[in-house]
Amino acid sequence: MDSQHLEQAYKELGLLIILVSIAVLTFSSLVFFAEKDAPEFQWTFLDSFWWGLMTLTTGEAKKRTARQRKRL
């Protein structure tokens, strides 16, 4: 990749990273507060953050707790 192209897209890439970060934090917070009282899902905020990050970056929405990720 030519450095000239990267320099031209620098602002757009920065904006993309900021928007994805805001979306991850927003959706992670919503999931955490929606699921925090559910007895079958004892999530921490970090679990919901991981879920939001993986869902927005891969498109695959699977709910897994930290213990379930360790078993994989």
Protein backbone atom coordinates (compact mmCIF):
# COMPACT_ATOMS: atom_id res chain seq x y z
CA MET A 1 0.00 0.00 0.00
CA ASP A 2 1.39 3.33 -1.01
CA SER A 3 1.97 5.79 1.84
CA GLN A 4 0.39 8.56 -0.21
CA HIS A 5 -2.94 6.71 -0.22
CA LEU A 6 -2.74 6.14 3.52
CA GLU A 7 -2.07 9.84 4.11
CA GLN A 8 -5.10 10.75 2.00
CA ALA A 9 -7.37 8.39 3.96
CA TYR A 10 -5.98 9.28 7.41
CA LYS A 11 -8.94 11.44 8.49
CA GLU A 12 -11.50 8.98 7.17
CA LEU A 13 -9.84 6.05 8.94
CA GLY A 14 -9.72 7.99 12.19
CA LEU A 15 -13.40 8.86 11.88
CA LEU A 16 -14.24 5.22 11.16
CA ILE A 17 -12.38 4.04 14.26
CA ILE A 18 -14.11 6.65 16.42
CA LEU A 19 -17.56 5.76 15.09
CA VAL A 20 -17.01 2.02 15.55
CA SER A 21 -15.77 2.64 19.10
CA ILE A 22 -18.84 4.72 19.94
CA ALA A 23 -21.12 2.06 18.46
CA VAL A 24 -19.41 -0.73 20.44
CA LEU A 25 -19.70 1.19 23.71
CA THR A 26 -23.33 2.15 23.04
CA PHE A 27 -24.53 -1.33 22.11
CA SER A 28 -22.45 -2.97 24.85
CA SER A 29 -24.04 -0.71 27.44
CA LEU A 30 -27.52 -1.41 26.12
CA VAL A 31 -26.94 -5.18 26.19
CA PHE A 32 -25.43 -5.04 29.67
CA PHE A 33 -28.35 -3.13 31.17
CA ALA A 34 -30.93 -5.21 29.30
CA GLU A 35 -29.42 -8.55 30.37
CA LYS A 36 -27.99 -7.76 33.81
CA ASP A 37 -31.02 -9.13 35.71
CA ALA A 38 -31.41 -12.28 33.61
CA PRO A 39 -30.55 -15.31 35.78
CA GLU A 40 -29.13 -17.41 32.91
CA PHE A 41 -26.67 -14.73 31.77
CA GLN A 42 -24.47 -13.36 34.53
CA TRP A 43 -22.52 -10.93 32.39
CA THR A 44 -20.02 -8.35 33.46
CA PHE A 45 -19.67 -5.14 31.50
CA LEU A 46 -16.49 -6.56 30.03
CA ASP A 47 -18.46 -9.56 28.72
CA SER A 48 -20.97 -7.27 27.05
CA PHE A 49 -18.16 -5.13 25.63
CA TRP A 50 -16.57 -8.25 24.14
CA TRP A 51 -19.94 -9.27 22.69
CA GLY A 52 -20.42 -5.84 21.12
CA LEU A 53 -16.93 -5.77 19.66
CA MET A 54 -17.20 -9.25 18.16
CA THR A 55 -20.72 -8.65 16.85
CA LEU A 56 -19.85 -5.39 15.10
CA THR A 57 -16.56 -6.63 13.67
CA THR A 58 -17.53 -10.17 12.62
CA GLY A 59 -21.31 -9.95 12.28
CA GLU A 60 -21.80 -13.09 14.37
CA ALA A 61 -23.93 -12.47 17.48
CA LYS A 62 -23.35 -15.31 19.94
CA LYS A 63 -23.80 -14.73 23.63
CA ARG A 64 -20.94 -16.28 25.59
CA THR A 65 -19.81 -15.65 29.11
CA ALA A 66 -16.15 -15.46 30.09
CA ARG A 67 -16.28 -19.05 31.36
CA GLN A 68 -17.67 -20.27 28.04
CA ARG A 69 -14.90 -18.48 26.10
CA LYS A 70 -12.25 -20.09 28.28
CA ARG A 71 -13.59 -23.57 27.48
CA LEU A 72 -13.17 -23.03 23.71
